[in-house]
């Protein structure tokens, strides 16, 4: 890592389907998460690499910890970028390290790296007690971990945008405004609002139901953590005790950086 004013720094990166998020880790302290939406005129892999190139050149980092959902081409591009900039790369993948977590999947490569980071975040935030981590992005993933670092498994369901888009695309509502309502209602008086509110409350109920069923099968009361791009919107309507931590994957990346 690069030393600035006597302190080492590392760049933590979460490259999702629509935007790139990052934080700086310095002397055990992490900066606020920042994010940038991918440029419309570029494919998302090229757009994400362009943002990373800018970050590395501007800050001169010598170590970067990356989790992403963009596939092998992006991995190869990041590796090449780090070689060109003499930056040490830690690319999160269950095939190389699970950071002390015993994964439920027989083949760790089949578990998304973002879910592994989520489990690392859950372990850290729950202070090594049982936890359920709900990551609300393009898809919603729900994973449980025990106090002794055993991943019990998890579920994946469409996220808020996918639910809404599927209704607009497969019904006669294609001409309507696709934006979700800012103030969802149980009793709506127009179709667009009915779709927006219906998708939101459908996903809220799904999260509540999955978490309750997981909790019923767990030996200890888990800490339930909700994170991701839609976390704030969904958390407002969830019944029960859920910790709102939108940038939890940064907690996971920090835990992985310090574990290594």
C-alpha atoms as a PDB file:
ATOM      1  CA  UNK A   1       0.000   0.000   0.000  1.00  0.00           C
ATOM      2  CA  UNK A   2       1.088   3.568  -0.469  1.00  0.00           C
ATOM      3  CA  UNK A   3       2.301   5.452   2.599  1.00  0.00           C
ATOM      4  CA  UNK A   4       0.905   8.947   3.027  1.00  0.00           C
ATOM      5  CA  UNK A   5       2.088  11.022   5.991  1.00  0.00           C
ATOM      6  CA  UNK A   6       3.381   7.851   7.611  1.00  0.00           C
ATOM      7  CA  UNK A   7       0.072   5.962   7.262  1.00  0.00           C
ATOM      8  CA  UNK A   8      -0.704   3.078   4.880  1.00  0.00           C
ATOM      9  CA  UNK A   9      -3.790   3.281   2.678  1.00  0.00           C
ATOM     10  CA  UNK A  10      -5.761   0.708   0.689  1.00  0.00           C
ATOM     11  CA  UNK A  11      -8.574   1.063  -1.819  1.00  0.00           C
ATOM     12  CA  UNK A  12     -11.697  -1.050  -1.223  1.00  0.00           C
ATOM     13  CA  UNK A  13     -13.820  -1.557  -4.354  1.00  0.00           C
ATOM     14  CA  UNK A  14     -17.275  -3.041  -4.970  1.00  0.00           C
ATOM     15  CA  UNK A  15     -18.113  -3.124  -8.691  1.00  0.00           C
ATOM     16  CA  UNK A  16     -21.809  -3.889  -9.143  1.00  0.00           C
ATOM     17  CA  UNK A  17     -24.070  -4.106 -12.169  1.00  0.00           C
ATOM     18  CA  UNK A  18     -24.904  -0.398 -12.356  1.00  0.00           C
ATOM     19  CA  UNK A  19     -22.270   1.491 -10.360  1.00  0.00           C
ATOM     20  CA  UNK A  20     -18.855   1.271  -8.753  1.00  0.00           C
ATOM     21  CA  UNK A  21     -18.513   1.902  -5.004  1.00  0.00           C
ATOM     22  CA  UNK A  22     -15.275   2.511  -3.133  1.00  0.00           C
ATOM     23  CA  UNK A  23     -13.767   3.549   0.193  1.00  0.00           C
ATOM     24  CA  UNK A  24     -10.268   4.248   1.457  1.00  0.00           C
ATOM     25  CA  UNK A  25      -8.886   2.237   4.376  1.00  0.00           C
ATOM     26  CA  UNK A  26      -6.222   4.049   6.363  1.00  0.00           C
ATOM     27  CA  UNK A  27      -4.720   3.044   9.700  1.00  0.00           C
ATOM     28  CA  UNK A  28      -7.811   0.977  10.564  1.00  0.00           C
ATOM     29  CA  UNK A  29     -10.172   3.825   9.684  1.00  0.00           C
ATOM     30  CA  UNK A  30     -12.416   3.732   6.619  1.00  0.00           C
ATOM     31  CA  UNK A  31     -13.673   6.687   4.627  1.00  0.00           C
ATOM     32  CA  UNK A  32     -17.315   7.130   3.717  1.00  0.00           C
ATOM     33  CA  UNK A  33     -18.377   5.034   0.737  1.00  0.00           C
ATOM     34  CA  UNK A  34     -18.397   6.879  -2.552  1.00  0.00           C
ATOM     35  CA  UNK A  35     -20.137   5.725  -5.722  1.00  0.00           C
ATOM     36  CA  UNK A  36     -20.329   6.516  -9.404  1.00  0.00           C
ATOM     37  CA  UNK A  37     -22.875   5.267 -11.910  1.00  0.00           C
ATOM     38  CA  UNK A  38     -21.373   3.758 -15.063  1.00  0.00           C
ATOM     39  CA  UNK A  39     -21.301   6.012 -18.107  1.00  0.00           C
ATOM     40  CA  UNK A  40     -24.223   5.415 -20.471  1.00  0.00           C
ATOM     41  CA  UNK A  41     -22.041   5.510 -23.579  1.00  0.00           C
ATOM     42  CA  UNK A  42     -19.803   2.640 -22.410  1.00  0.00           C
ATOM     43  CA  UNK A  43     -20.429  -1.000 -21.619  1.00  0.00           C
ATOM     44  CA  UNK A  44     -20.319  -1.550 -17.867  1.00  0.00           C
ATOM     45  CA  UNK A  45     -16.980  -3.399 -17.858  1.00  0.00           C
ATOM     46  CA  UNK A  46     -15.241  -0.591 -19.749  1.00  0.00           C
ATOM     47  CA  UNK A  47     -16.989   2.032 -17.629  1.00  0.00           C
ATOM     48  CA  UNK A  48     -15.970   0.348 -14.360  1.00  0.00           C
ATOM     49  CA  UNK A  49     -12.364  -0.010 -15.517  1.00  0.00           C
ATOM     50  CA  UNK A  50     -12.281   3.667 -16.484  1.00  0.00           C
ATOM     51  CA  UNK A  51     -13.336   4.699 -12.970  1.00  0.00           C
ATOM     52  CA  UNK A  52     -10.729   2.404 -11.397  1.00  0.00           C
ATOM     53  CA  UNK A  53      -8.014   3.756 -13.681  1.00  0.00           C
ATOM     54  CA  UNK A  54      -8.878   7.287 -12.605  1.00  0.00           C
ATOM     55  CA  UNK A  55      -8.857   6.351  -8.912  1.00  0.00           C
ATOM     56  CA  UNK A  56      -5.516   4.581  -9.110  1.00  0.00           C
ATOM     57  CA  UNK A  57      -3.847   7.358 -11.074  1.00  0.00           C
ATOM     58  CA  UNK A  58      -5.216  10.121  -8.846  1.00  0.00           C
ATOM     59  CA  UNK A  59      -4.407   8.431  -5.527  1.00  0.00           C
ATOM     60  CA  UNK A  60      -1.459   6.213  -6.435  1.00  0.00           C
ATOM     61  CA  UNK A  61      -2.668   3.304  -4.305  1.00  0.00           C
ATOM     62  CA  UNK A  62      -0.395   0.313  -3.982  1.00  0.00           C
ATOM     63  CA  UNK A  63      -3.042  -2.154  -2.802  1.00  0.00           C
ATOM     64  CA  UNK A  64      -6.633  -2.707  -3.887  1.00  0.00           C
ATOM     65  CA  UNK A  65      -9.207  -5.195  -2.575  1.00  0.00           C
ATOM     66  CA  UNK A  66     -11.942  -5.796  -5.157  1.00  0.00           C
ATOM     67  CA  UNK A  67     -15.247  -7.631  -5.240  1.00  0.00           C
ATOM     68  CA  UNK A  68     -17.359  -7.586  -8.392  1.00  0.00           C
ATOM     69  CA  UNK A  69     -20.143  -9.271 -10.343  1.00  0.00           C
ATOM     70  CA  UNK A  70     -18.875  -8.344 -13.811  1.00  0.00           C
ATOM     71  CA  UNK A  71     -17.334 -11.619 -14.934  1.00  0.00           C
ATOM     72  CA  UNK A  72     -13.942 -12.919 -16.025  1.00  0.00           C
ATOM     73  CA  UNK A  73     -13.247 -10.172 -18.566  1.00  0.00           C
ATOM     74  CA  UNK A  74     -13.425  -7.572 -15.827  1.00  0.00           C
ATOM     75  CA  UNK A  75     -11.144  -9.647 -13.589  1.00  0.00           C
ATOM     76  CA  UNK A  76      -8.546  -9.860 -16.346  1.00  0.00           C
ATOM     77  CA  UNK A  77      -8.816  -6.135 -17.010  1.00  0.00           C
ATOM     78  CA  UNK A  78      -8.308  -5.271 -13.337  1.00  0.00           C
ATOM     79  CA  UNK A  79      -5.311  -7.608 -13.133  1.00  0.00           C
ATOM     80  CA  UNK A  80      -3.735  -5.904 -16.157  1.00  0.00           C
ATOM     81  CA  UNK A  81      -4.464  -2.460 -14.713  1.00  0.00           C
ATOM     82  CA  UNK A  82      -2.812  -3.371 -11.428  1.00  0.00           C
ATOM     83  CA  UNK A  83       0.242  -4.714 -13.240  1.00  0.00           C
ATOM     84  CA  UNK A  84       0.567  -1.455 -15.162  1.00  0.00           C
ATOM     85  CA  UNK A  85       0.220   0.661 -12.026  1.00  0.00           C
ATOM     86  CA  UNK A  86       2.287  -1.610  -9.710  1.00  0.00           C
ATOM     87  CA  UNK A  87      -0.751  -2.039  -7.467  1.00  0.00           C
ATOM     88  CA  UNK A  88      -1.079  -5.173  -5.345  1.00  0.00           C
ATOM     89  CA  UNK A  89      -4.464  -6.750  -6.089  1.00  0.00           C
ATOM     90  CA  UNK A  90      -6.634  -8.869  -3.822  1.00  0.00           C
ATOM     91  CA  UNK A  91      -9.501 -10.113  -5.971  1.00  0.00           C
ATOM     92  CA  UNK A  92     -12.111 -11.694  -3.697  1.00  0.00           C
ATOM     93  CA  UNK A  93     -13.063 -15.219  -4.757  1.00  0.00           C
ATOM     94  CA  UNK A  94     -14.138 -18.250  -2.767  1.00  0.00           C
ATOM     95  CA  UNK A  95     -11.866 -20.377  -4.951  1.00  0.00           C
ATOM     96  CA  UNK A  96      -8.755 -18.814  -3.408  1.00  0.00           C
ATOM     97  CA  UNK A  97      -9.783 -18.002   0.175  1.00  0.00           C
ATOM     98  CA  UNK A  98     -12.950 -18.050   2.278  1.00  0.00           C
ATOM     99  CA  UNK A  99     -11.414 -16.000   5.127  1.00  0.00           C
ATOM    100  CA  UNK A 100     -12.203 -18.518   7.820  1.00  0.00           C
ATOM    101  CA  UNK A 101     -15.842 -19.012   6.744  1.00  0.00           C
ATOM    102  CA  UNK A 102     -17.023 -22.567   6.057  1.00  0.00           C
ATOM    103  CA  UNK A 103     -19.223 -22.170   3.006  1.00  0.00           C
ATOM    104  CA  UNK A 104     -22.387 -24.202   2.501  1.00  0.00           C
ATOM    105  CA  UNK A 105     -21.686 -24.585  -1.220  1.00  0.00           C
ATOM    106  CA  UNK A 106     -19.775 -27.797  -2.095  1.00  0.00           C
ATOM    107  CA  UNK A 107     -18.032 -25.803  -4.821  1.00  0.00           C
ATOM    108  CA  UNK A 108     -17.079 -22.363  -3.412  1.00  0.00           C
ATOM    109  CA  UNK A 109     -16.669 -21.035  -6.965  1.00  0.00           C
ATOM    110  CA  UNK A 110     -20.450 -21.225  -7.377  1.00  0.00           C
ATOM    111  CA  UNK A 111     -21.059 -18.737  -4.561  1.00  0.00           C
ATOM    112  CA  UNK A 112     -20.862 -15.171  -5.803  1.00  0.00           C
ATOM    113  CA  UNK A 113     -17.901 -13.228  -4.438  1.00  0.00           C
ATOM    114  CA  UNK A 114     -20.257 -10.448  -3.337  1.00  0.00           C
ATOM    115  CA  UNK A 115     -22.086 -12.936  -1.118  1.00  0.00           C
ATOM    116  CA  UNK A 116     -18.791 -14.038   0.422  1.00  0.00           C
ATOM    117  CA  UNK A 117     -17.978 -10.411   1.223  1.00  0.00           C
ATOM    118  CA  UNK A 118     -21.466 -10.056   2.666  1.00  0.00           C
ATOM    119  CA  UNK A 119     -20.807 -12.996   4.975  1.00  0.00           C
ATOM    120  CA  UNK A 120     -17.527 -11.425   6.080  1.00  0.00           C
ATOM    121  CA  UNK A 121     -19.446  -8.215   6.793  1.00  0.00           C
ATOM    122  CA  UNK A 122     -22.130 -10.072   8.735  1.00  0.00           C
ATOM    123  CA  UNK A 123     -19.508 -11.814  10.860  1.00  0.00           C
ATOM    124  CA  UNK A 124     -17.799  -8.511  11.632  1.00  0.00           C
ATOM    125  CA  UNK A 125     -20.958  -6.491  12.321  1.00  0.00           C
ATOM    126  CA  UNK A 126     -22.458  -9.234  14.490  1.00  0.00           C
ATOM    127  CA  UNK A 127     -19.170  -9.492  16.401  1.00  0.00           C
ATOM    128  CA  UNK A 128     -18.907 -13.198  15.599  1.00  0.00           C
ATOM    129  CA  UNK A 129     -22.495 -13.971  16.607  1.00  0.00           C
ATOM    130  CA  UNK A 130     -25.123 -15.473  14.284  1.00  0.00           C
ATOM    131  CA  UNK A 131     -26.344 -13.194  11.512  1.00  0.00           C
ATOM    132  CA  UNK A 132     -28.443 -12.932   8.363  1.00  0.00           C
ATOM    133  CA  UNK A 133     -27.225 -10.550   5.656  1.00  0.00           C
ATOM    134  CA  UNK A 134     -29.701  -9.192   3.068  1.00  0.00           C
ATOM    135  CA  UNK A 135     -28.060  -7.474   0.102  1.00  0.00           C
ATOM    136  CA  UNK A 136     -30.582  -5.499  -1.968  1.00  0.00           C
ATOM    137  CA  UNK A 137     -29.237  -4.739  -5.414  1.00  0.00           C
ATOM    138  CA  UNK A 138     -30.216  -5.888  -8.911  1.00  0.00           C
ATOM    139  CA  UNK A 139     -30.952  -9.179  -7.161  1.00  0.00           C
ATOM    140  CA  UNK A 140     -31.622  -9.632  -3.456  1.00  0.00           C
ATOM    141  CA  UNK A 141     -29.447 -12.218  -1.731  1.00  0.00           C
ATOM    142  CA  UNK A 142     -30.158 -13.521   1.770  1.00  0.00           C
ATOM    143  CA  UNK A 143     -27.463 -15.558   3.559  1.00  0.00           C
ATOM    144  CA  UNK A 144     -27.107 -16.864   7.106  1.00  0.00           C
ATOM    145  CA  UNK A 145     -23.966 -17.482   9.140  1.00  0.00           C
ATOM    146  CA  UNK A 146     -23.574 -19.056  12.577  1.00  0.00           C
ATOM    147  CA  UNK A 147     -21.472 -17.823  15.490  1.00  0.00           C
ATOM    148  CA  UNK A 148     -18.806 -20.396  14.643  1.00  0.00           C
ATOM    149  CA  UNK A 149     -18.371 -19.130  11.059  1.00  0.00           C
ATOM    150  CA  UNK A 150     -20.529 -21.716   9.278  1.00  0.00           C
ATOM    151  CA  UNK A 151     -22.466 -20.459   6.265  1.00  0.00           C
ATOM    152  CA  UNK A 152     -25.854 -22.174   6.418  1.00  0.00           C
ATOM    153  CA  UNK A 153     -26.740 -21.248   2.838  1.00  0.00           C
ATOM    154  CA  UNK A 154     -28.969 -18.632   1.285  1.00  0.00           C
ATOM    155  CA  UNK A 155     -31.533 -17.574  -1.292  1.00  0.00           C
ATOM    156  CA  UNK A 156     -31.644 -15.221  -4.275  1.00  0.00           C
ATOM    157  CA  UNK A 157     -34.705 -13.338  -5.488  1.00  0.00           C
ATOM    158  CA  UNK A 158     -35.235 -10.542  -8.041  1.00  0.00           C
ATOM    159  CA  UNK A 159     -34.546  -7.045  -6.773  1.00  0.00           C
ATOM    160  CA  UNK A 160     -36.915  -4.097  -6.796  1.00  0.00           C
ATOM    161  CA  UNK A 161     -36.004  -2.897 -10.284  1.00  0.00           C
ATOM    162  CA  UNK A 162     -36.253  -6.363 -11.827  1.00  0.00           C
ATOM    163  CA  UNK A 163     -39.670  -6.962 -10.273  1.00  0.00           C
ATOM    164  CA  UNK A 164     -40.980  -3.705 -11.626  1.00  0.00           C
ATOM    165  CA  UNK A 165     -39.383  -4.076 -15.063  1.00  0.00           C
ATOM    166  CA  UNK A 166     -40.863  -7.564 -15.482  1.00  0.00           C
ATOM    167  CA  UNK A 167     -44.375  -6.240 -14.906  1.00  0.00           C
ATOM    168  CA  UNK A 168     -43.935  -3.299 -17.253  1.00  0.00           C
ATOM    169  CA  UNK A 169     -42.425  -5.481 -19.998  1.00  0.00           C
ATOM    170  CA  UNK A 170     -44.861  -8.392 -19.796  1.00  0.00           C
ATOM    171  CA  UNK A 171     -48.115  -6.444 -19.431  1.00  0.00           C
ATOM    172  CA  UNK A 172     -49.912  -3.599 -21.177  1.00  0.00           C
ATOM    173  CA  UNK A 173     -48.157  -1.084 -18.897  1.00  0.00           C
ATOM    174  CA  UNK A 174     -45.101  -0.552 -21.138  1.00  0.00           C
ATOM    175  CA  UNK A 175     -46.076   3.058 -21.832  1.00  0.00           C
ATOM    176  CA  UNK A 176     -46.170   4.070 -18.164  1.00  0.00           C
ATOM    177  CA  UNK A 177     -43.591   5.833 -16.038  1.00  0.00           C
ATOM    178  CA  UNK A 178     -41.287   3.150 -14.644  1.00  0.00           C
ATOM    179  CA  UNK A 179     -40.090   5.149 -11.645  1.00  0.00           C
ATOM    180  CA  UNK A 180     -41.028   3.705  -8.291  1.00  0.00           C
ATOM    181  CA  UNK A 181     -43.397   5.836  -6.232  1.00  0.00           C
ATOM    182  CA  UNK A 182     -41.659   7.848  -3.537  1.00  0.00           C
ATOM    183  CA  UNK A 183     -44.494   7.278  -1.103  1.00  0.00           C
ATOM    184  CA  UNK A 184     -45.811   3.724  -1.592  1.00  0.00           C
ATOM    185  CA  UNK A 185     -49.374   3.074  -0.515  1.00  0.00           C
ATOM    186  CA  UNK A 186     -51.372  -0.060   0.214  1.00  0.00           C
ATOM    187  CA  UNK A 187     -54.446   1.500  -1.451  1.00  0.00           C
ATOM    188  CA  UNK A 188     -53.477   3.096  -4.773  1.00  0.00           C
ATOM    189  CA  UNK A 189     -55.663   4.810  -7.374  1.00  0.00           C
ATOM    190  CA  UNK A 190     -53.659   4.297 -10.594  1.00  0.00           C
ATOM    191  CA  UNK A 191     -51.875   1.423 -12.298  1.00  0.00           C
ATOM    192  CA  UNK A 192     -48.339   2.826 -12.210  1.00  0.00           C
ATOM    193  CA  UNK A 193     -48.565   3.424  -8.459  1.00  0.00           C
ATOM    194  CA  UNK A 194     -50.136   0.004  -7.985  1.00  0.00           C
ATOM    195  CA  UNK A 195     -47.180  -1.626  -9.749  1.00  0.00           C
ATOM    196  CA  UNK A 196     -44.568   0.406  -7.877  1.00  0.00           C
ATOM    197  CA  UNK A 197     -46.163  -0.088  -4.456  1.00  0.00           C
ATOM    198  CA  UNK A 198     -47.016  -3.707  -5.190  1.00  0.00           C
ATOM    199  CA  UNK A 199     -43.416  -4.557  -6.105  1.00  0.00           C
ATOM    200  CA  UNK A 200     -42.031  -2.798  -3.048  1.00  0.00           C
ATOM    201  CA  UNK A 201     -44.397  -4.434  -0.571  1.00  0.00           C
ATOM    202  CA  UNK A 202     -43.993  -7.783  -2.310  1.00  0.00           C
ATOM    203  CA  UNK A 203     -40.233  -7.630  -1.782  1.00  0.00           C
ATOM    204  CA  UNK A 204     -40.636  -6.403   1.809  1.00  0.00           C
ATOM    205  CA  UNK A 205     -42.872  -9.390   2.546  1.00  0.00           C
ATOM    206  CA  UNK A 206     -40.436 -11.734   0.817  1.00  0.00           C
ATOM    207  CA  UNK A 207     -37.531 -10.507   2.940  1.00  0.00           C
ATOM    208  CA  UNK A 208     -39.552 -10.738   6.151  1.00  0.00           C
ATOM    209  CA  UNK A 209     -40.744 -14.239   5.314  1.00  0.00           C
ATOM    210  CA  UNK A 210     -37.338 -15.609   4.289  1.00  0.00           C
ATOM    211  CA  UNK A 211     -35.647 -14.170   7.378  1.00  0.00           C
ATOM    212  CA  UNK A 212     -38.301 -15.584   9.694  1.00  0.00           C
ATOM    213  CA  UNK A 213     -38.007 -19.037   8.144  1.00  0.00           C
ATOM    214  CA  UNK A 214     -34.219 -18.925   8.404  1.00  0.00           C
ATOM    215  CA  UNK A 215     -34.416 -17.723  11.991  1.00  0.00           C
ATOM    216  CA  UNK A 216     -36.794 -20.582  12.868  1.00  0.00           C
ATOM    217  CA  UNK A 217     -34.108 -23.063  11.838  1.00  0.00           C
ATOM    218  CA  UNK A 218     -31.172 -21.364  13.541  1.00  0.00           C
ATOM    219  CA  UNK A 219     -29.970 -22.303  17.005  1.00  0.00           C
ATOM    220  CA  UNK A 220     -29.450 -18.684  18.074  1.00  0.00           C
ATOM    221  CA  UNK A 221     -31.144 -15.370  17.446  1.00  0.00           C
ATOM    222  CA  UNK A 222     -29.393 -13.814  14.417  1.00  0.00           C
ATOM    223  CA  UNK A 223     -28.591 -10.175  13.817  1.00  0.00           C
ATOM    224  CA  UNK A 224     -30.434  -9.232  10.612  1.00  0.00           C
ATOM    225  CA  UNK A 225     -28.507  -6.776   8.443  1.00  0.00           C
ATOM    226  CA  UNK A 226     -29.906  -5.124   5.307  1.00  0.00           C
ATOM    227  CA  UNK A 227     -27.549  -3.473   2.829  1.00  0.00           C
ATOM    228  CA  UNK A 228     -27.245  -2.496  -0.836  1.00  0.00           C
ATOM    229  CA  UNK A 229     -28.666   0.147  -3.117  1.00  0.00           C
ATOM    230  CA  UNK A 230     -32.330  -0.375  -2.196  1.00  0.00           C
ATOM    231  CA  UNK A 231     -31.712  -0.990   1.509  1.00  0.00           C
ATOM    232  CA  UNK A 232     -32.890   2.416   2.724  1.00  0.00           C
ATOM    233  CA  UNK A 233     -36.121   2.284   0.736  1.00  0.00           C
ATOM    234  CA  UNK A 234     -36.961  -1.239   1.902  1.00  0.00           C
ATOM    235  CA  UNK A 235     -35.833  -0.855   5.515  1.00  0.00           C
ATOM    236  CA  UNK A 236     -38.458   1.817   6.149  1.00  0.00           C
ATOM    237  CA  UNK A 237     -41.222  -0.752   5.629  1.00  0.00           C
ATOM    238  CA  UNK A 238     -39.714  -3.869   7.188  1.00  0.00           C
ATOM    239  CA  UNK A 239     -41.363  -5.089  10.351  1.00  0.00           C
ATOM    240  CA  UNK A 240     -39.010  -6.446  12.983  1.00  0.00           C
ATOM    241  CA  UNK A 241     -35.474  -5.649  14.028  1.00  0.00           C
ATOM    242  CA  UNK A 242     -33.238  -5.080  10.993  1.00  0.00           C
ATOM    243  CA  UNK A 243     -29.908  -3.255  11.112  1.00  0.00           C
ATOM    244  CA  UNK A 244     -29.697  -0.759   8.251  1.00  0.00           C
ATOM    245  CA  UNK A 245     -26.142  -0.770   6.880  1.00  0.00           C
ATOM    246  CA  UNK A 246     -26.248   0.288   3.202  1.00  0.00           C
ATOM    247  CA  UNK A 247     -22.457   0.044   2.753  1.00  0.00           C
ATOM    248  CA  UNK A 248     -22.021  -3.281   4.578  1.00  0.00           C
ATOM    249  CA  UNK A 249     -19.946  -4.715   1.739  1.00  0.00           C
ATOM    250  CA  UNK A 250     -17.309  -2.136   2.624  1.00  0.00           C
ATOM    251  CA  UNK A 251     -17.345  -3.570   6.152  1.00  0.00           C
ATOM    252  CA  UNK A 252     -16.764  -6.970   4.559  1.00  0.00           C
ATOM    253  CA  UNK A 253     -13.934  -5.741   2.351  1.00  0.00           C
ATOM    254  CA  UNK A 254     -12.294  -4.079   5.336  1.00  0.00           C
ATOM    255  CA  UNK A 255     -12.599  -7.301   7.335  1.00  0.00           C
ATOM    256  CA  UNK A 256     -11.020  -9.219   4.443  1.00  0.00           C
ATOM    257  CA  UNK A 257      -8.201  -6.654   4.108  1.00  0.00           C
ATOM    258  CA  UNK A 258      -7.436  -6.949   7.808  1.00  0.00           C
ATOM    259  CA  UNK A 259      -7.828 -10.747   7.810  1.00  0.00           C
ATOM    260  CA  UNK A 260      -5.148 -11.039   5.156  1.00  0.00           C
END
